[in-house]
Amino acid sequence: RPVIKVNLLAVLVRFLTRRFIGEYASNANSLYHKRLSIDGRQLNLEVFDPCSQSSEARCILEEPVDWADGFVVVYNISDRSSFINAKSILCQIREARTDSCKGDSDVPVCLVGNKQDLCHVRQVREDEGRSLAQETRCHFQEVSAAESYQDIAGLFTRLIRQVMEHLKYRADRRRYSGSKSMAKLINNVFGKRRKSV
């Protein structure tokens, strides 16, 4: 079952409920569940929001990030400090995944600039977000949780598809590696016997 980490509750609530809610009473480290169908497959999605109680500009990933299958990192285009924090979170994700025993630095990640409807008070240019996404090898999109459910649903659907492809690739790689090891073991055992006969 895909597990995705997200920060910035407005984007998450919009995806889970289709509604935009301006103010939230939420707990820190919230775990949400959603059952959905993508490409004919029924999925149970778990979404963990480590930043639901902290301000969007000061979210810090305190828990290990190696258990998540994908990440959505959200910043507010009208708040430069949230963009700086997003950059820090992207670095934490890449460092943790590269250093982990999985060595899985290619985990799907999406950088999202929210509040596109507030372009008149923009502090982070779109090309800055796009550039950061290229630098950290992740998908980039600007959205407005207040205005468009479709953009947010599309963003999560794309990420979930990437997660499913990535999990399949890892499983296939593990299977191939295991079969190579088994073939080598069989060859070592029976190959030696053949030589001695």
C-alpha atoms as a PDB file:
ATOM      1  CA  ARG A   1       0.000   0.000   0.000  1.00  0.00           C
ATOM      2  CA  PRO A   2       1.595   3.322  -1.009  1.00  0.00           C
ATOM      3  CA  VAL A   3       2.667   5.561   1.856  1.00  0.00           C
ATOM      4  CA  ILE A   4       3.220   9.223   1.091  1.00  0.00           C
ATOM      5  CA  LYS A   5       4.471  12.032   3.294  1.00  0.00           C
ATOM      6  CA  VAL A   6       2.991  15.498   2.749  1.00  0.00           C
ATOM      7  CA  ASN A   7       3.283  18.878   4.396  1.00  0.00           C
ATOM      8  CA  LEU A   8       0.829  21.742   4.228  1.00  0.00           C
ATOM      9  CA  LEU A   9      -2.583  20.599   5.319  1.00  0.00           C
ATOM     10  CA  ALA A  10      -4.695  22.621   2.849  1.00  0.00           C
ATOM     11  CA  VAL A  11      -3.378  20.649  -0.136  1.00  0.00           C
ATOM     12  CA  LEU A  12      -3.853  17.355   1.682  1.00  0.00           C
ATOM     13  CA  VAL A  13      -7.398  18.077   2.890  1.00  0.00           C
ATOM     14  CA  ARG A  14      -8.360  19.242  -0.605  1.00  0.00           C
ATOM     15  CA  PHE A  15      -7.144  15.905  -2.016  1.00  0.00           C
ATOM     16  CA  LEU A  16      -8.771  13.746   0.675  1.00  0.00           C
ATOM     17  CA  THR A  17     -12.151  15.508   0.892  1.00  0.00           C
ATOM     18  CA  ARG A  18     -12.412  17.570  -2.335  1.00  0.00           C
ATOM     19  CA  ARG A  19     -13.211  20.548  -0.101  1.00  0.00           C
ATOM     20  CA  PHE A  20     -11.153  23.614   0.700  1.00  0.00           C
ATOM     21  CA  ILE A  21     -11.132  24.510   4.368  1.00  0.00           C
ATOM     22  CA  GLY A  22      -9.408  27.731   5.375  1.00  0.00           C
ATOM     23  CA  GLU A  23      -8.659  26.937   9.038  1.00  0.00           C
ATOM     24  CA  TYR A  24      -7.842  23.638  10.701  1.00  0.00           C
ATOM     25  CA  ALA A  25      -7.808  22.168  14.162  1.00  0.00           C
ATOM     26  CA  SER A  26      -5.272  19.404  13.701  1.00  0.00           C
ATOM     27  CA  ASN A  27      -2.903  17.197  15.616  1.00  0.00           C
ATOM     28  CA  ALA A  28       0.818  17.035  15.009  1.00  0.00           C
ATOM     29  CA  ASN A  29       2.034  14.077  12.980  1.00  0.00           C
ATOM     30  CA  SER A  30      -1.381  13.232  11.533  1.00  0.00           C
ATOM     31  CA  LEU A  31      -1.963  10.003   9.626  1.00  0.00           C
ATOM     32  CA  TYR A  32      -4.765   9.945   7.070  1.00  0.00           C
ATOM     33  CA  HIS A  33      -6.227   7.036   5.095  1.00  0.00           C
ATOM     34  CA  LYS A  34      -7.932   7.074   1.722  1.00  0.00           C
ATOM     35  CA  ARG A  35      -9.230   4.239  -0.415  1.00  0.00           C
ATOM     36  CA  LEU A  36      -9.063   5.018  -4.109  1.00  0.00           C
ATOM     37  CA  SER A  37      -8.961   3.414  -7.525  1.00  0.00           C
ATOM     38  CA  ILE A  38      -6.152   4.207  -9.947  1.00  0.00           C
ATOM     39  CA  ASP A  39      -5.828   2.482 -13.318  1.00  0.00           C
ATOM     40  CA  GLY A  40      -8.373  -0.130 -12.237  1.00  0.00           C
ATOM     41  CA  ARG A  41      -6.498  -1.023  -9.044  1.00  0.00           C
ATOM     42  CA  GLN A  42      -8.023  -0.495  -5.602  1.00  0.00           C
ATOM     43  CA  LEU A  43      -5.465   1.107  -3.282  1.00  0.00           C
ATOM     44  CA  ASN A  44      -5.370   1.868   0.409  1.00  0.00           C
ATOM     45  CA  LEU A  45      -3.335   5.033   0.669  1.00  0.00           C
ATOM     46  CA  GLU A  46      -1.730   6.187   3.912  1.00  0.00           C
ATOM     47  CA  VAL A  47      -0.725   9.837   4.027  1.00  0.00           C
ATOM     48  CA  PHE A  48       1.363  11.105   6.903  1.00  0.00           C
ATOM     49  CA  ASP A  49       1.591  14.852   7.536  1.00  0.00           C
ATOM     50  CA  PRO A  50       4.500  15.620   9.887  1.00  0.00           C
ATOM     51  CA  CYS A  51       3.810  19.355   9.688  1.00  0.00           C
ATOM     52  CA  SER A  52       0.123  19.622  10.455  1.00  0.00           C
ATOM     53  CA  GLN A  53       0.541  21.478  13.736  1.00  0.00           C
ATOM     54  CA  SER A  54       3.696  23.449  13.028  1.00  0.00           C
ATOM     55  CA  SER A  55       3.673  26.575  10.904  1.00  0.00           C
ATOM     56  CA  GLU A  56       4.191  25.807   7.233  1.00  0.00           C
ATOM     57  CA  ALA A  57       7.426  27.806   7.253  1.00  0.00           C
ATOM     58  CA  ARG A  58       9.003  25.818  10.092  1.00  0.00           C
ATOM     59  CA  CYS A  59       8.266  22.170   9.444  1.00  0.00           C
ATOM     60  CA  ILE A  60      11.168  19.882  10.312  1.00  0.00           C
ATOM     61  CA  LEU A  61      11.213  16.172   9.575  1.00  0.00           C
ATOM     62  CA  GLU A  62      12.093  14.691  12.933  1.00  0.00           C
ATOM     63  CA  GLU A  63      11.153  11.102  12.134  1.00  0.00           C
ATOM     64  CA  PRO A  64      13.179   8.893   9.823  1.00  0.00           C
ATOM     65  CA  VAL A  65      11.964   9.242   6.257  1.00  0.00           C
ATOM     66  CA  ASP A  66      13.038   5.860   4.950  1.00  0.00           C
ATOM     67  CA  TRP A  67       9.630   4.197   5.435  1.00  0.00           C
ATOM     68  CA  ALA A  68       7.707   6.467   3.031  1.00  0.00           C
ATOM     69  CA  ASP A  69       7.193   5.431  -0.594  1.00  0.00           C
ATOM     70  CA  GLY A  70       6.766   8.990  -1.872  1.00  0.00           C
ATOM     71  CA  PHE A  71       6.813  12.611  -0.721  1.00  0.00           C
ATOM     72  CA  VAL A  72       4.919  15.817  -1.418  1.00  0.00           C
ATOM     73  CA  VAL A  73       6.793  18.902  -0.200  1.00  0.00           C
ATOM     74  CA  VAL A  74       4.630  22.024  -0.252  1.00  0.00           C
ATOM     75  CA  TYR A  75       5.571  25.673   0.074  1.00  0.00           C
ATOM     76  CA  ASN A  76       3.499  28.847  -0.055  1.00  0.00           C
ATOM     77  CA  ILE A  77       4.390  31.009  -3.080  1.00  0.00           C
ATOM     78  CA  SER A  78       3.617  34.128  -1.022  1.00  0.00           C
ATOM     79  CA  ASP A  79       6.023  33.148   1.796  1.00  0.00           C
ATOM     80  CA  ARG A  80       9.738  32.942   0.992  1.00  0.00           C
ATOM     81  CA  SER A  81      10.595  31.314   4.344  1.00  0.00           C
ATOM     82  CA  SER A  82       8.317  28.354   3.484  1.00  0.00           C
ATOM     83  CA  PHE A  83      10.259  27.930   0.212  1.00  0.00           C
ATOM     84  CA  ILE A  84      13.567  27.919   2.106  1.00  0.00           C
ATOM     85  CA  ASN A  85      12.117  25.303   4.467  1.00  0.00           C
ATOM     86  CA  ALA A  86      10.932  23.223   1.491  1.00  0.00           C
ATOM     87  CA  LYS A  87      14.476  23.266   0.121  1.00  0.00           C
ATOM     88  CA  SER A  88      15.776  22.040   3.477  1.00  0.00           C
ATOM     89  CA  ILE A  89      13.168  19.253   3.598  1.00  0.00           C
ATOM     90  CA  LEU A  90      14.085  18.111   0.072  1.00  0.00           C
ATOM     91  CA  CYS A  91      17.736  17.915   1.130  1.00  0.00           C
ATOM     92  CA  GLN A  92      16.787  15.923   4.270  1.00  0.00           C
ATOM     93  CA  ILE A  93      14.797  13.470   2.153  1.00  0.00           C
ATOM     94  CA  ARG A  94      17.591  12.929  -0.383  1.00  0.00           C
ATOM     95  CA  GLU A  95      20.295  12.615   2.306  1.00  0.00           C
ATOM     96  CA  ALA A  96      18.242  10.175   4.381  1.00  0.00           C
ATOM     97  CA  ARG A  97      17.352   8.043   1.363  1.00  0.00           C
ATOM     98  CA  THR A  98      20.909   8.002   0.020  1.00  0.00           C
ATOM     99  CA  ASP A  99      22.366   7.097   3.435  1.00  0.00           C
ATOM    100  CA  SER A 100      19.728   4.468   4.254  1.00  0.00           C
ATOM    101  CA  CYS A 101      20.325   0.776   3.745  1.00  0.00           C
ATOM    102  CA  LYS A 102      17.872   0.971   0.827  1.00  0.00           C
ATOM    103  CA  GLY A 103      20.154   3.369  -1.036  1.00  0.00           C
ATOM    104  CA  ASP A 104      16.918   4.601  -2.563  1.00  0.00           C
ATOM    105  CA  SER A 105      17.598   8.192  -3.569  1.00  0.00           C
ATOM    106  CA  ASP A 106      15.170   7.984  -6.516  1.00  0.00           C
ATOM    107  CA  VAL A 107      12.034   7.754  -4.375  1.00  0.00           C
ATOM    108  CA  PRO A 108       9.260   9.793  -6.055  1.00  0.00           C
ATOM    109  CA  VAL A 109       9.080  13.365  -4.729  1.00  0.00           C
ATOM    110  CA  CYS A 110       6.879  16.256  -5.797  1.00  0.00           C
ATOM    111  CA  LEU A 111       7.594  19.903  -4.968  1.00  0.00           C
ATOM    112  CA  VAL A 112       4.402  21.950  -4.880  1.00  0.00           C
ATOM    113  CA  GLY A 113       4.008  25.721  -4.820  1.00  0.00           C
ATOM    114  CA  ASN A 114       0.593  26.357  -3.251  1.00  0.00           C
ATOM    115  CA  LYS A 115      -1.566  29.500  -3.240  1.00  0.00           C
ATOM    116  CA  GLN A 116      -1.182  30.180  -6.947  1.00  0.00           C
ATOM    117  CA  ASP A 117      -4.299  32.326  -6.561  1.00  0.00           C
ATOM    118  CA  LEU A 118      -2.176  34.818  -4.573  1.00  0.00           C
ATOM    119  CA  CYS A 119       0.134  35.726  -7.471  1.00  0.00           C
ATOM    120  CA  HIS A 120      -0.271  39.429  -6.634  1.00  0.00           C
ATOM    121  CA  VAL A 121       1.658  38.856  -3.352  1.00  0.00           C
ATOM    122  CA  ARG A 122       4.068  36.265  -4.744  1.00  0.00           C
ATOM    123  CA  GLN A 123       7.482  36.083  -3.023  1.00  0.00           C
ATOM    124  CA  VAL A 124       8.756  32.964  -4.838  1.00  0.00           C
ATOM    125  CA  ARG A 125       8.919  33.034  -8.623  1.00  0.00           C
ATOM    126  CA  GLU A 126       7.727  29.953 -10.517  1.00  0.00           C
ATOM    127  CA  ASP A 127      11.127  29.520 -12.166  1.00  0.00           C
ATOM    128  CA  GLU A 128      12.740  29.323  -8.686  1.00  0.00           C
ATOM    129  CA  GLY A 129      10.477  26.394  -7.805  1.00  0.00           C
ATOM    130  CA  ARG A 130      11.127  24.725 -11.152  1.00  0.00           C
ATOM    131  CA  SER A 131      14.877  25.193 -10.730  1.00  0.00           C
ATOM    132  CA  LEU A 132      14.842  23.691  -7.210  1.00  0.00           C
ATOM    133  CA  ALA A 133      12.844  20.722  -8.513  1.00  0.00           C
ATOM    134  CA  GLN A 134      15.378  20.103 -11.300  1.00  0.00           C
ATOM    135  CA  GLU A 135      18.249  20.406  -8.836  1.00  0.00           C
ATOM    136  CA  THR A 136      16.663  17.851  -6.472  1.00  0.00           C
ATOM    137  CA  ARG A 137      15.320  15.587  -9.265  1.00  0.00           C
ATOM    138  CA  CYS A 138      11.641  15.845  -8.449  1.00  0.00           C
ATOM    139  CA  HIS A 139       8.397  16.797 -10.156  1.00  0.00           C
ATOM    140  CA  PHE A 140       7.226  20.418  -9.799  1.00  0.00           C
ATOM    141  CA  GLN A 141       3.785  21.986  -9.938  1.00  0.00           C
ATOM    142  CA  GLU A 142       2.107  25.170  -8.758  1.00  0.00           C
ATOM    143  CA  VAL A 143      -1.486  24.805  -7.529  1.00  0.00           C
ATOM    144  CA  SER A 144      -4.211  26.608  -5.652  1.00  0.00           C
ATOM    145  CA  ALA A 145      -5.840  24.428  -2.999  1.00  0.00           C
ATOM    146  CA  ALA A 146      -8.505  27.125  -2.689  1.00  0.00           C
ATOM    147  CA  GLU A 147      -9.449  27.079  -6.362  1.00  0.00           C
ATOM    148  CA  SER A 148      -8.796  23.714  -8.007  1.00  0.00           C
ATOM    149  CA  TYR A 149      -9.443  20.201  -6.786  1.00  0.00           C
ATOM    150  CA  GLN A 150      -8.580  18.794 -10.242  1.00  0.00           C
ATOM    151  CA  ASP A 151      -4.987  20.092 -10.176  1.00  0.00           C
ATOM    152  CA  ILE A 152      -4.394  18.580  -6.738  1.00  0.00           C
ATOM    153  CA  ALA A 153      -6.074  15.273  -7.599  1.00  0.00           C
ATOM    154  CA  GLY A 154      -3.933  15.104 -10.756  1.00  0.00           C
ATOM    155  CA  LEU A 155      -0.794  15.815  -8.762  1.00  0.00           C
ATOM    156  CA  PHE A 156      -1.488  13.025  -6.233  1.00  0.00           C
ATOM    157  CA  THR A 157      -2.559  10.591  -8.973  1.00  0.00           C
ATOM    158  CA  ARG A 158       0.685  11.204 -10.873  1.00  0.00           C
ATOM    159  CA  LEU A 159       2.731  10.726  -7.698  1.00  0.00           C
ATOM    160  CA  ILE A 160       0.876   7.514  -6.764  1.00  0.00           C
ATOM    161  CA  ARG A 161       1.523   6.109 -10.260  1.00  0.00           C
ATOM    162  CA  GLN A 162       5.219   6.967  -9.886  1.00  0.00           C
ATOM    163  CA  VAL A 163       5.259   5.287  -6.462  1.00  0.00           C
ATOM    164  CA  MET A 164       3.652   2.120  -7.877  1.00  0.00           C
ATOM    165  CA  GLU A 165       6.160   2.025 -10.775  1.00  0.00           C
ATOM    166  CA  HIS A 166       9.032   2.611  -8.358  1.00  0.00           C
ATOM    167  CA  LEU A 167       7.866  -0.172  -6.005  1.00  0.00           C
ATOM    168  CA  LYS A 168       7.511  -2.556  -8.965  1.00  0.00           C
ATOM    169  CA  TYR A 169      10.993  -1.635 -10.219  1.00  0.00           C
ATOM    170  CA  ARG A 170      12.495  -2.250  -6.749  1.00  0.00           C
ATOM    171  CA  ALA A 171      10.688  -5.603  -6.428  1.00  0.00           C
ATOM    172  CA  ASP A 172      11.823  -6.674  -9.920  1.00  0.00           C
ATOM    173  CA  ARG A 173      15.400  -5.615  -9.140  1.00  0.00           C
ATOM    174  CA  ARG A 174      15.330  -7.571  -5.865  1.00  0.00           C
ATOM    175  CA  ARG A 175      13.907 -10.625  -7.629  1.00  0.00           C
ATOM    176  CA  TYR A 176      16.554 -10.406 -10.388  1.00  0.00           C
ATOM    177  CA  SER A 177      19.343  -9.982  -7.851  1.00  0.00           C
ATOM    178  CA  GLY A 178      18.030 -12.936  -5.836  1.00  0.00           C
ATOM    179  CA  SER A 179      17.778 -15.185  -8.902  1.00  0.00           C
ATOM    180  CA  LYS A 180      21.324 -14.216  -9.956  1.00  0.00           C
ATOM    181  CA  SER A 181      22.614 -15.128  -6.499  1.00  0.00           C
ATOM    182  CA  MET A 182      20.725 -18.432  -6.592  1.00  0.00           C
ATOM    183  CA  ALA A 183      22.075 -19.229 -10.065  1.00  0.00           C
ATOM    184  CA  LYS A 184      25.601 -18.462  -8.878  1.00  0.00           C
ATOM    185  CA  LEU A 185      25.125 -20.684  -5.815  1.00  0.00           C
ATOM    186  CA  ILE A 186      23.751 -23.554  -7.923  1.00  0.00           C
ATOM    187  CA  ASN A 187      26.583 -23.139 -10.418  1.00  0.00           C
ATOM    188  CA  ASN A 188      29.166 -23.172  -7.619  1.00  0.00           C
ATOM    189  CA  VAL A 189      27.714 -26.319  -6.050  1.00  0.00           C
ATOM    190  CA  PHE A 190      27.022 -28.341  -9.187  1.00  0.00           C
ATOM    191  CA  GLY A 191      29.803 -26.863 -11.301  1.00  0.00           C
ATOM    192  CA  LYS A 192      32.481 -28.113  -8.906  1.00  0.00           C
ATOM    193  CA  ARG A 193      30.950 -31.595  -8.771  1.00  0.00           C
ATOM    194  CA  ARG A 194      30.932 -31.809 -12.524  1.00  0.00           C
ATOM    195  CA  LYS A 195      34.642 -30.959 -12.671  1.00  0.00           C
ATOM    196  CA  SER A 196      35.565 -33.626 -10.140  1.00  0.00           C
ATOM    197  CA  VAL A 197      33.706 -36.421 -11.982  1.00  0.00           C
END
